[in-house]
């Protein structure tokens, strides 16, 4: 009897052990990990654009930062820049301008003036615009140099050398010579550094479109070897190449010598 009881007890123990083991294994079975939800794609920035050196600044920057964007052509030869919907974004009726749907605090923001747009995109992405104050000042001063000097003077050289109906020698010489002086400033600056502020920055992006029109300004890059080296380095960047060759719809069809076109572009007064 005792042996039978022991045998039964062993059998019950084994059974109990198996049952417990089954229960335990079910209890600790790992749960399936939830499926990961892909992050939403950023909404594209609206770029109000025409194929000009100022327009190139922002197309290059967007390409360099790999930000999604869509081009909204503003045909400045037909007066699109004076339409109320564009003036609501750019009160100075000039391209470029942007609307970022994902602005500060996640709310849309519109920005005009190419220099301000470059600074904003630099802060937004942390690219090509340093965070430290000393390095940022170095970039800002060359950005402002372009905004207040290279751009306006080169623009006047284009106007009097190419577009003005009356060829005025004094005006042609004045702005051709000033462009030459500014090219000399860049050439000296680039003698001991690769880029204007040391490292590649929005200052370089601001200048490349204007220097790309050197022939229109009556200049010869061979006279400025350091500037020529910088120019070739800039054009070798894929994002610069894409940005500077972005074509706005119908831009190449515009006849800049057409009287109606010149009236829109050059003879506007306060409205």
C-alpha atoms as a PDB file:
ATOM      1  CA  UNK A   1       0.000   0.000   0.000  1.00  0.00           C
ATOM      2  CA  UNK A   2       2.772   2.367   0.889  1.00  0.00           C
ATOM      3  CA  UNK A   3       4.546   1.686  -2.381  1.00  0.00           C
ATOM      4  CA  UNK A   4       1.344   2.316  -4.354  1.00  0.00           C
ATOM      5  CA  UNK A   5       0.786   5.567  -2.501  1.00  0.00           C
ATOM      6  CA  UNK A   6       4.324   6.695  -3.236  1.00  0.00           C
ATOM      7  CA  UNK A   7       3.900   5.806  -6.874  1.00  0.00           C
ATOM      8  CA  UNK A   8       0.621   7.756  -7.023  1.00  0.00           C
ATOM      9  CA  UNK A   9       2.201  10.716  -5.289  1.00  0.00           C
ATOM     10  CA  UNK A  10       5.060  10.752  -7.808  1.00  0.00           C
ATOM     11  CA  UNK A  11       2.591  10.573 -10.648  1.00  0.00           C
ATOM     12  CA  UNK A  12       0.520  13.410  -9.192  1.00  0.00           C
ATOM     13  CA  UNK A  13       3.682  15.455  -8.642  1.00  0.00           C
ATOM     14  CA  UNK A  14       4.772  15.011 -12.250  1.00  0.00           C
ATOM     15  CA  UNK A  15       1.327  15.929 -13.462  1.00  0.00           C
ATOM     16  CA  UNK A  16       1.242  18.961 -11.258  1.00  0.00           C
ATOM     17  CA  UNK A  17       4.710  19.973 -12.405  1.00  0.00           C
ATOM     18  CA  UNK A  18       3.725  19.688 -16.080  1.00  0.00           C
ATOM     19  CA  UNK A  19       0.558  21.664 -15.492  1.00  0.00           C
ATOM     20  CA  UNK A  20       2.446  24.394 -13.646  1.00  0.00           C
ATOM     21  CA  UNK A  21       5.056  24.466 -16.381  1.00  0.00           C
ATOM     22  CA  UNK A  22       2.377  24.893 -19.025  1.00  0.00           C
ATOM     23  CA  UNK A  23       0.684  27.665 -17.077  1.00  0.00           C
ATOM     24  CA  UNK A  24       3.995  29.423 -16.448  1.00  0.00           C
ATOM     25  CA  UNK A  25       5.034  29.265 -20.064  1.00  0.00           C
ATOM     26  CA  UNK A  26       1.742  30.817 -21.120  1.00  0.00           C
ATOM     27  CA  UNK A  27       2.025  33.573 -18.532  1.00  0.00           C
ATOM     28  CA  UNK A  28       5.478  34.751 -19.617  1.00  0.00           C
ATOM     29  CA  UNK A  29       4.907  34.536 -23.362  1.00  0.00           C
ATOM     30  CA  UNK A  30       6.248  37.814 -24.855  1.00  0.00           C
ATOM     31  CA  UNK A  31       3.748  40.262 -26.245  1.00  0.00           C
ATOM     32  CA  UNK A  32       3.985  41.322 -29.861  1.00  0.00           C
ATOM     33  CA  UNK A  33       5.566  44.758 -30.303  1.00  0.00           C
ATOM     34  CA  UNK A  34       3.141  47.350 -31.725  1.00  0.00           C
ATOM     35  CA  UNK A  35       3.720  48.288 -35.343  1.00  0.00           C
ATOM     36  CA  UNK A  36       5.785  51.470 -35.668  1.00  0.00           C
ATOM     37  CA  UNK A  37       3.960  54.422 -37.194  1.00  0.00           C
ATOM     38  CA  UNK A  38       6.047  56.267 -39.813  1.00  0.00           C
ATOM     39  CA  UNK A  39       6.721  59.924 -39.029  1.00  0.00           C
ATOM     40  CA  UNK A  40       4.625  62.306 -41.135  1.00  0.00           C
ATOM     41  CA  UNK A  41       6.454  63.820 -44.080  1.00  0.00           C
ATOM     42  CA  UNK A  42       7.211  67.534 -43.678  1.00  0.00           C
ATOM     43  CA  UNK A  43       4.959  69.796 -45.694  1.00  0.00           C
ATOM     44  CA  UNK A  44       6.730  71.553 -48.570  1.00  0.00           C
ATOM     45  CA  UNK A  45       7.730  75.186 -48.285  1.00  0.00           C
ATOM     46  CA  UNK A  46       6.156  77.460 -50.894  1.00  0.00           C
ATOM     47  CA  UNK A  47       8.878  79.325 -52.800  1.00  0.00           C
ATOM     48  CA  UNK A  48       7.678  82.410 -54.676  1.00  0.00           C
ATOM     49  CA  UNK A  49      10.334  82.589 -57.337  1.00  0.00           C
ATOM     50  CA  UNK A  50      11.679  83.930 -60.600  1.00  0.00           C
ATOM     51  CA  UNK A  51      15.002  83.032 -62.238  1.00  0.00           C
ATOM     52  CA  UNK A  52      17.169  85.881 -60.921  1.00  0.00           C
ATOM     53  CA  UNK A  53      20.293  86.041 -58.735  1.00  0.00           C
ATOM     54  CA  UNK A  54      18.120  86.841 -55.720  1.00  0.00           C
ATOM     55  CA  UNK A  55      15.813  83.942 -56.511  1.00  0.00           C
ATOM     56  CA  UNK A  56      18.808  81.601 -56.797  1.00  0.00           C
ATOM     57  CA  UNK A  57      19.755  82.312 -53.181  1.00  0.00           C
ATOM     58  CA  UNK A  58      16.703  80.518 -51.847  1.00  0.00           C
ATOM     59  CA  UNK A  59      16.500  77.706 -54.394  1.00  0.00           C
ATOM     60  CA  UNK A  60      20.139  76.882 -53.568  1.00  0.00           C
ATOM     61  CA  UNK A  61      19.522  77.042 -49.812  1.00  0.00           C
ATOM     62  CA  UNK A  62      16.474  74.781 -50.012  1.00  0.00           C
ATOM     63  CA  UNK A  63      18.446  72.312 -52.114  1.00  0.00           C
ATOM     64  CA  UNK A  64      21.422  72.413 -49.739  1.00  0.00           C
ATOM     65  CA  UNK A  65      19.170  71.810 -46.713  1.00  0.00           C
ATOM     66  CA  UNK A  66      17.205  69.110 -48.558  1.00  0.00           C
ATOM     67  CA  UNK A  67      13.951  70.731 -47.578  1.00  0.00           C
ATOM     68  CA  UNK A  68      10.868  69.851 -49.625  1.00  0.00           C
ATOM     69  CA  UNK A  69       9.525  72.841 -51.537  1.00  0.00           C
ATOM     70  CA  UNK A  70       7.252  73.749 -54.393  1.00  0.00           C
ATOM     71  CA  UNK A  71       7.915  76.583 -56.801  1.00  0.00           C
ATOM     72  CA  UNK A  72       5.242  79.224 -57.314  1.00  0.00           C
ATOM     73  CA  UNK A  73       6.407  81.312 -60.307  1.00  0.00           C
ATOM     74  CA  UNK A  74       5.983  85.072 -59.986  1.00  0.00           C
ATOM     75  CA  UNK A  75       6.261  86.430 -63.518  1.00  0.00           C
ATOM     76  CA  UNK A  76       7.792  89.804 -62.774  1.00  0.00           C
ATOM     77  CA  UNK A  77       7.671  90.774 -66.469  1.00  0.00           C
ATOM     78  CA  UNK A  78       3.857  90.648 -66.372  1.00  0.00           C
ATOM     79  CA  UNK A  79       3.391  92.311 -62.988  1.00  0.00           C
ATOM     80  CA  UNK A  80       2.569  89.246 -60.859  1.00  0.00           C
ATOM     81  CA  UNK A  81       4.586  90.885 -58.075  1.00  0.00           C
ATOM     82  CA  UNK A  82       1.913  93.564 -57.703  1.00  0.00           C
ATOM     83  CA  UNK A  83      -0.995  91.200 -57.176  1.00  0.00           C
ATOM     84  CA  UNK A  84      -2.665  91.546 -53.743  1.00  0.00           C
ATOM     85  CA  UNK A  85      -2.074  87.897 -52.843  1.00  0.00           C
ATOM     86  CA  UNK A  86       1.680  88.284 -53.400  1.00  0.00           C
ATOM     87  CA  UNK A  87       1.850  91.673 -51.656  1.00  0.00           C
ATOM     88  CA  UNK A  88       0.332  90.012 -48.588  1.00  0.00           C
ATOM     89  CA  UNK A  89       3.507  87.916 -48.441  1.00  0.00           C
ATOM     90  CA  UNK A  90       6.054  90.359 -49.853  1.00  0.00           C
ATOM     91  CA  UNK A  91       5.037  94.007 -49.191  1.00  0.00           C
ATOM     92  CA  UNK A  92       8.033  95.271 -51.189  1.00  0.00           C
ATOM     93  CA  UNK A  93       6.709  93.468 -54.311  1.00  0.00           C
ATOM     94  CA  UNK A  94       9.987  91.669 -54.854  1.00  0.00           C
ATOM     95  CA  UNK A  95      10.901  88.005 -55.164  1.00  0.00           C
ATOM     96  CA  UNK A  96      11.896  85.743 -53.518  1.00  0.00           C
ATOM     97  CA  UNK A  97       9.509  85.061 -50.673  1.00  0.00           C
ATOM     98  CA  UNK A  98       8.528  81.894 -48.847  1.00  0.00           C
ATOM     99  CA  UNK A  99       5.675  80.505 -46.806  1.00  0.00           C
ATOM    100  CA  UNK A 100       6.729  77.779 -44.386  1.00  0.00           C
ATOM    101  CA  UNK A 101       3.672  75.795 -43.190  1.00  0.00           C
ATOM    102  CA  UNK A 102       5.747  74.455 -40.302  1.00  0.00           C
ATOM    103  CA  UNK A 103       7.003  77.718 -38.854  1.00  0.00           C
ATOM    104  CA  UNK A 104       7.761  78.600 -35.211  1.00  0.00           C
ATOM    105  CA  UNK A 105       5.364  76.825 -32.868  1.00  0.00           C
ATOM    106  CA  UNK A 106       4.167  74.680 -35.756  1.00  0.00           C
ATOM    107  CA  UNK A 107       2.276  77.596 -37.297  1.00  0.00           C
ATOM    108  CA  UNK A 108       2.745  78.927 -40.859  1.00  0.00           C
ATOM    109  CA  UNK A 109       5.056  81.892 -41.391  1.00  0.00           C
ATOM    110  CA  UNK A 110       5.693  84.043 -44.479  1.00  0.00           C
ATOM    111  CA  UNK A 111       9.050  85.745 -45.028  1.00  0.00           C
ATOM    112  CA  UNK A 112      10.279  88.218 -47.648  1.00  0.00           C
ATOM    113  CA  UNK A 113      13.794  89.599 -48.348  1.00  0.00           C
ATOM    114  CA  UNK A 114      16.326  86.999 -49.425  1.00  0.00           C
ATOM    115  CA  UNK A 115      18.782  87.672 -46.584  1.00  0.00           C
ATOM    116  CA  UNK A 116      16.089  87.244 -43.937  1.00  0.00           C
ATOM    117  CA  UNK A 117      14.945  84.015 -45.595  1.00  0.00           C
ATOM    118  CA  UNK A 118      18.503  82.637 -45.604  1.00  0.00           C
ATOM    119  CA  UNK A 119      18.913  83.414 -41.911  1.00  0.00           C
ATOM    120  CA  UNK A 120      15.555  81.847 -41.066  1.00  0.00           C
ATOM    121  CA  UNK A 121      16.286  78.636 -42.968  1.00  0.00           C
ATOM    122  CA  UNK A 122      19.747  78.507 -41.395  1.00  0.00           C
ATOM    123  CA  UNK A 123      18.249  78.722 -37.907  1.00  0.00           C
ATOM    124  CA  UNK A 124      15.463  76.274 -38.776  1.00  0.00           C
ATOM    125  CA  UNK A 125      17.811  73.568 -40.025  1.00  0.00           C
ATOM    126  CA  UNK A 126      21.013  74.393 -38.141  1.00  0.00           C
ATOM    127  CA  UNK A 127      22.872  74.354 -41.461  1.00  0.00           C
ATOM    128  CA  UNK A 128      25.235  76.902 -43.033  1.00  0.00           C
ATOM    129  CA  UNK A 129      24.544  79.449 -40.287  1.00  0.00           C
ATOM    130  CA  UNK A 130      26.611  78.861 -37.129  1.00  0.00           C
ATOM    131  CA  UNK A 131      25.106  78.940 -33.648  1.00  0.00           C
ATOM    132  CA  UNK A 132      28.005  80.659 -31.873  1.00  0.00           C
ATOM    133  CA  UNK A 133      27.801  84.459 -31.811  1.00  0.00           C
ATOM    134  CA  UNK A 134      31.347  85.084 -33.039  1.00  0.00           C
ATOM    135  CA  UNK A 135      30.996  82.757 -36.025  1.00  0.00           C
ATOM    136  CA  UNK A 136      27.506  84.082 -36.792  1.00  0.00           C
ATOM    137  CA  UNK A 137      28.726  87.694 -36.873  1.00  0.00           C
ATOM    138  CA  UNK A 138      31.397  86.624 -39.358  1.00  0.00           C
ATOM    139  CA  UNK A 139      28.676  85.247 -41.636  1.00  0.00           C
ATOM    140  CA  UNK A 140      26.263  88.145 -41.096  1.00  0.00           C
ATOM    141  CA  UNK A 141      28.730  90.832 -42.094  1.00  0.00           C
ATOM    142  CA  UNK A 142      29.386  89.170 -45.466  1.00  0.00           C
ATOM    143  CA  UNK A 143      25.704  88.506 -45.982  1.00  0.00           C
ATOM    144  CA  UNK A 144      24.979  92.201 -45.375  1.00  0.00           C
ATOM    145  CA  UNK A 145      27.894  93.106 -47.659  1.00  0.00           C
ATOM    146  CA  UNK A 146      26.136  91.229 -50.436  1.00  0.00           C
ATOM    147  CA  UNK A 147      22.706  92.651 -49.623  1.00  0.00           C
ATOM    148  CA  UNK A 148      23.914  96.256 -49.491  1.00  0.00           C
ATOM    149  CA  UNK A 149      26.800  96.156 -51.970  1.00  0.00           C
ATOM    150  CA  UNK A 150      27.342  93.342 -54.436  1.00  0.00           C
ATOM    151  CA  UNK A 151      23.667  92.783 -55.278  1.00  0.00           C
ATOM    152  CA  UNK A 152      22.563  96.411 -55.779  1.00  0.00           C
ATOM    153  CA  UNK A 153      25.725  97.489 -57.601  1.00  0.00           C
ATOM    154  CA  UNK A 154      25.729  94.466 -59.905  1.00  0.00           C
ATOM    155  CA  UNK A 155      22.020  95.042 -60.555  1.00  0.00           C
ATOM    156  CA  UNK A 156      22.718  98.629 -61.620  1.00  0.00           C
ATOM    157  CA  UNK A 157      25.549  97.422 -63.845  1.00  0.00           C
ATOM    158  CA  UNK A 158      23.127  95.019 -65.529  1.00  0.00           C
ATOM    159  CA  UNK A 159      20.610  97.807 -66.006  1.00  0.00           C
ATOM    160  CA  UNK A 160      22.854 100.454 -67.539  1.00  0.00           C
ATOM    161  CA  UNK A 161      25.049  98.056 -69.514  1.00  0.00           C
ATOM    162  CA  UNK A 162      22.244  95.903 -70.967  1.00  0.00           C
ATOM    163  CA  UNK A 163      18.700  97.136 -70.415  1.00  0.00           C
ATOM    164  CA  UNK A 164      18.722 100.930 -70.463  1.00  0.00           C
ATOM    165  CA  UNK A 165      17.416 102.315 -73.754  1.00  0.00           C
ATOM    166  CA  UNK A 166      19.839 105.210 -73.539  1.00  0.00           C
ATOM    167  CA  UNK A 167      23.480 104.244 -73.108  1.00  0.00           C
ATOM    168  CA  UNK A 168      24.915 106.626 -70.522  1.00  0.00           C
ATOM    169  CA  UNK A 169      28.736 106.301 -70.367  1.00  0.00           C
ATOM    170  CA  UNK A 170      28.990 107.801 -66.886  1.00  0.00           C
ATOM    171  CA  UNK A 171      26.452 105.333 -65.429  1.00  0.00           C
ATOM    172  CA  UNK A 172      28.019 102.372 -67.247  1.00  0.00           C
ATOM    173  CA  UNK A 173      31.498 103.269 -65.988  1.00  0.00           C
ATOM    174  CA  UNK A 174      30.270 104.030 -62.483  1.00  0.00           C
ATOM    175  CA  UNK A 175      28.665 100.647 -61.863  1.00  0.00           C
ATOM    176  CA  UNK A 176      31.130  98.577 -63.894  1.00  0.00           C
ATOM    177  CA  UNK A 177      33.971 100.057 -61.843  1.00  0.00           C
ATOM    178  CA  UNK A 178      32.126  99.511 -58.572  1.00  0.00           C
ATOM    179  CA  UNK A 179      31.555  95.862 -59.443  1.00  0.00           C
ATOM    180  CA  UNK A 180      35.257  95.598 -60.196  1.00  0.00           C
ATOM    181  CA  UNK A 181      36.080  97.049 -56.774  1.00  0.00           C
ATOM    182  CA  UNK A 182      33.723  94.606 -55.047  1.00  0.00           C
ATOM    183  CA  UNK A 183      35.216  91.664 -56.931  1.00  0.00           C
ATOM    184  CA  UNK A 184      38.594  92.838 -55.645  1.00  0.00           C
ATOM    185  CA  UNK A 185      37.238  92.843 -52.075  1.00  0.00           C
ATOM    186  CA  UNK A 186      36.103  89.230 -52.496  1.00  0.00           C
ATOM    187  CA  UNK A 187      39.380  88.220 -54.104  1.00  0.00           C
ATOM    188  CA  UNK A 188      41.417  89.573 -51.179  1.00  0.00           C
ATOM    189  CA  UNK A 189      39.085  87.987 -48.655  1.00  0.00           C
ATOM    190  CA  UNK A 190      39.410  84.575 -50.307  1.00  0.00           C
ATOM    191  CA  UNK A 191      43.203  84.698 -50.495  1.00  0.00           C
ATOM    192  CA  UNK A 192      43.634  82.762 -47.234  1.00  0.00           C
ATOM    193  CA  UNK A 193      40.305  80.974 -46.740  1.00  0.00           C
ATOM    194  CA  UNK A 194      38.138  78.656 -48.799  1.00  0.00           C
ATOM    195  CA  UNK A 195      34.861  80.520 -48.240  1.00  0.00           C
ATOM    196  CA  UNK A 196      33.881  84.064 -47.292  1.00  0.00           C
ATOM    197  CA  UNK A 197      33.311  83.354 -43.594  1.00  0.00           C
ATOM    198  CA  UNK A 198      35.845  80.520 -43.392  1.00  0.00           C
ATOM    199  CA  UNK A 199      33.366  77.658 -43.629  1.00  0.00           C
ATOM    200  CA  UNK A 200      30.699  77.341 -46.296  1.00  0.00           C
ATOM    201  CA  UNK A 201      27.702  79.439 -45.275  1.00  0.00           C
ATOM    202  CA  UNK A 202      24.678  81.452 -46.344  1.00  0.00           C
ATOM    203  CA  UNK A 203      27.089  84.296 -47.190  1.00  0.00           C
ATOM    204  CA  UNK A 204      28.511  82.237 -50.057  1.00  0.00           C
ATOM    205  CA  UNK A 205      25.021  81.159 -51.120  1.00  0.00           C
ATOM    206  CA  UNK A 206      23.961  84.829 -51.254  1.00  0.00           C
ATOM    207  CA  UNK A 207      26.857  85.815 -53.523  1.00  0.00           C
ATOM    208  CA  UNK A 208      27.127  83.016 -56.064  1.00  0.00           C
ATOM    209  CA  UNK A 209      24.121  84.027 -58.179  1.00  0.00           C
ATOM    210  CA  UNK A 210      25.461  87.528 -58.671  1.00  0.00           C
ATOM    211  CA  UNK A 211      29.008  86.412 -59.448  1.00  0.00           C
ATOM    212  CA  UNK A 212      27.575  83.940 -61.984  1.00  0.00           C
ATOM    213  CA  UNK A 213      26.595  86.999 -64.071  1.00  0.00           C
ATOM    214  CA  UNK A 214      30.157  88.377 -64.151  1.00  0.00           C
ATOM    215  CA  UNK A 215      30.166  88.836 -67.935  1.00  0.00           C
ATOM    216  CA  UNK A 216      27.047  91.009 -67.806  1.00  0.00           C
ATOM    217  CA  UNK A 217      28.830  93.189 -65.267  1.00  0.00           C
ATOM    218  CA  UNK A 218      31.810  93.708 -67.578  1.00  0.00           C
ATOM    219  CA  UNK A 219      34.202  91.687 -65.403  1.00  0.00           C
ATOM    220  CA  UNK A 220      36.863  89.072 -66.133  1.00  0.00           C
ATOM    221  CA  UNK A 221      37.270  86.374 -63.472  1.00  0.00           C
ATOM    222  CA  UNK A 222      40.809  85.663 -64.678  1.00  0.00           C
ATOM    223  CA  UNK A 223      41.815  88.945 -63.035  1.00  0.00           C
ATOM    224  CA  UNK A 224      40.624  87.579 -59.676  1.00  0.00           C
ATOM    225  CA  UNK A 225      42.246  84.146 -59.174  1.00  0.00           C
ATOM    226  CA  UNK A 226      41.006  83.579 -55.618  1.00  0.00           C
ATOM    227  CA  UNK A 227      37.468  84.558 -56.574  1.00  0.00           C
ATOM    228  CA  UNK A 228      37.679  82.317 -59.652  1.00  0.00           C
ATOM    229  CA  UNK A 229      38.741  79.369 -57.479  1.00  0.00           C
ATOM    230  CA  UNK A 230      35.811  80.043 -55.105  1.00  0.00           C
ATOM    231  CA  UNK A 231      33.414  80.374 -58.046  1.00  0.00           C
ATOM    232  CA  UNK A 232      34.445  77.010 -59.485  1.00  0.00           C
ATOM    233  CA  UNK A 233      34.243  75.367 -56.043  1.00  0.00           C
ATOM    234  CA  UNK A 234      30.728  76.712 -55.585  1.00  0.00           C
ATOM    235  CA  UNK A 235      29.480  75.551 -58.986  1.00  0.00           C
ATOM    236  CA  UNK A 236      30.877  72.067 -58.302  1.00  0.00           C
ATOM    237  CA  UNK A 237      28.418  71.619 -55.413  1.00  0.00           C
ATOM    238  CA  UNK A 238      25.420  69.604 -56.721  1.00  0.00           C
ATOM    239  CA  UNK A 239      22.883  71.618 -54.695  1.00  0.00           C
ATOM    240  CA  UNK A 240      24.274  74.904 -56.041  1.00  0.00           C
ATOM    241  CA  UNK A 241      24.126  73.555 -59.578  1.00  0.00           C
ATOM    242  CA  UNK A 242      20.494  72.484 -59.125  1.00  0.00           C
ATOM    243  CA  UNK A 243      19.467  75.727 -57.442  1.00  0.00           C
ATOM    244  CA  UNK A 244      21.123  78.039 -59.922  1.00  0.00           C
ATOM    245  CA  UNK A 245      19.605  76.203 -62.871  1.00  0.00           C
ATOM    246  CA  UNK A 246      16.067  76.101 -61.510  1.00  0.00           C
ATOM    247  CA  UNK A 247      13.990  77.600 -64.302  1.00  0.00           C
ATOM    248  CA  UNK A 248      10.819  79.506 -63.584  1.00  0.00           C
ATOM    249  CA  UNK A 249       8.020  79.031 -66.045  1.00  0.00           C
ATOM    250  CA  UNK A 250       8.415  81.264 -69.133  1.00  0.00           C
ATOM    251  CA  UNK A 251      11.430  83.137 -67.669  1.00  0.00           C
ATOM    252  CA  UNK A 252      13.596  82.504 -70.719  1.00  0.00           C
ATOM    253  CA  UNK A 253      10.866  83.752 -73.077  1.00  0.00           C
ATOM    254  CA  UNK A 254      10.857  87.276 -71.633  1.00  0.00           C
ATOM    255  CA  UNK A 255      12.153  89.993 -73.959  1.00  0.00           C
ATOM    256  CA  UNK A 256      13.820  92.439 -71.593  1.00  0.00           C
ATOM    257  CA  UNK A 257      13.996  95.076 -74.333  1.00  0.00           C
ATOM    258  CA  UNK A 258      10.226  95.059 -74.801  1.00  0.00           C
ATOM    259  CA  UNK A 259       8.849  98.473 -73.793  1.00  0.00           C
ATOM    260  CA  UNK A 260       5.917  96.959 -71.876  1.00  0.00           C
ATOM    261  CA  UNK A 261       8.234  94.689 -69.910  1.00  0.00           C
ATOM    262  CA  UNK A 262      10.588  97.558 -69.091  1.00  0.00           C
ATOM    263  CA  UNK A 263       7.626  99.654 -67.978  1.00  0.00           C
ATOM    264  CA  UNK A 264       6.656  96.959 -65.464  1.00  0.00           C
ATOM    265  CA  UNK A 265      10.180  96.371 -64.207  1.00  0.00           C
ATOM    266  CA  UNK A 266      11.811  99.790 -64.272  1.00  0.00           C
ATOM    267  CA  UNK A 267       9.203 102.546 -64.226  1.00  0.00           C
ATOM    268  CA  UNK A 268       7.106 101.841 -61.161  1.00  0.00           C
ATOM    269  CA  UNK A 269       6.169 104.550 -58.669  1.00  0.00           C
ATOM    270  CA  UNK A 270       4.363 104.425 -55.336  1.00  0.00           C
ATOM    271  CA  UNK A 271       0.895 102.910 -55.547  1.00  0.00           C
END
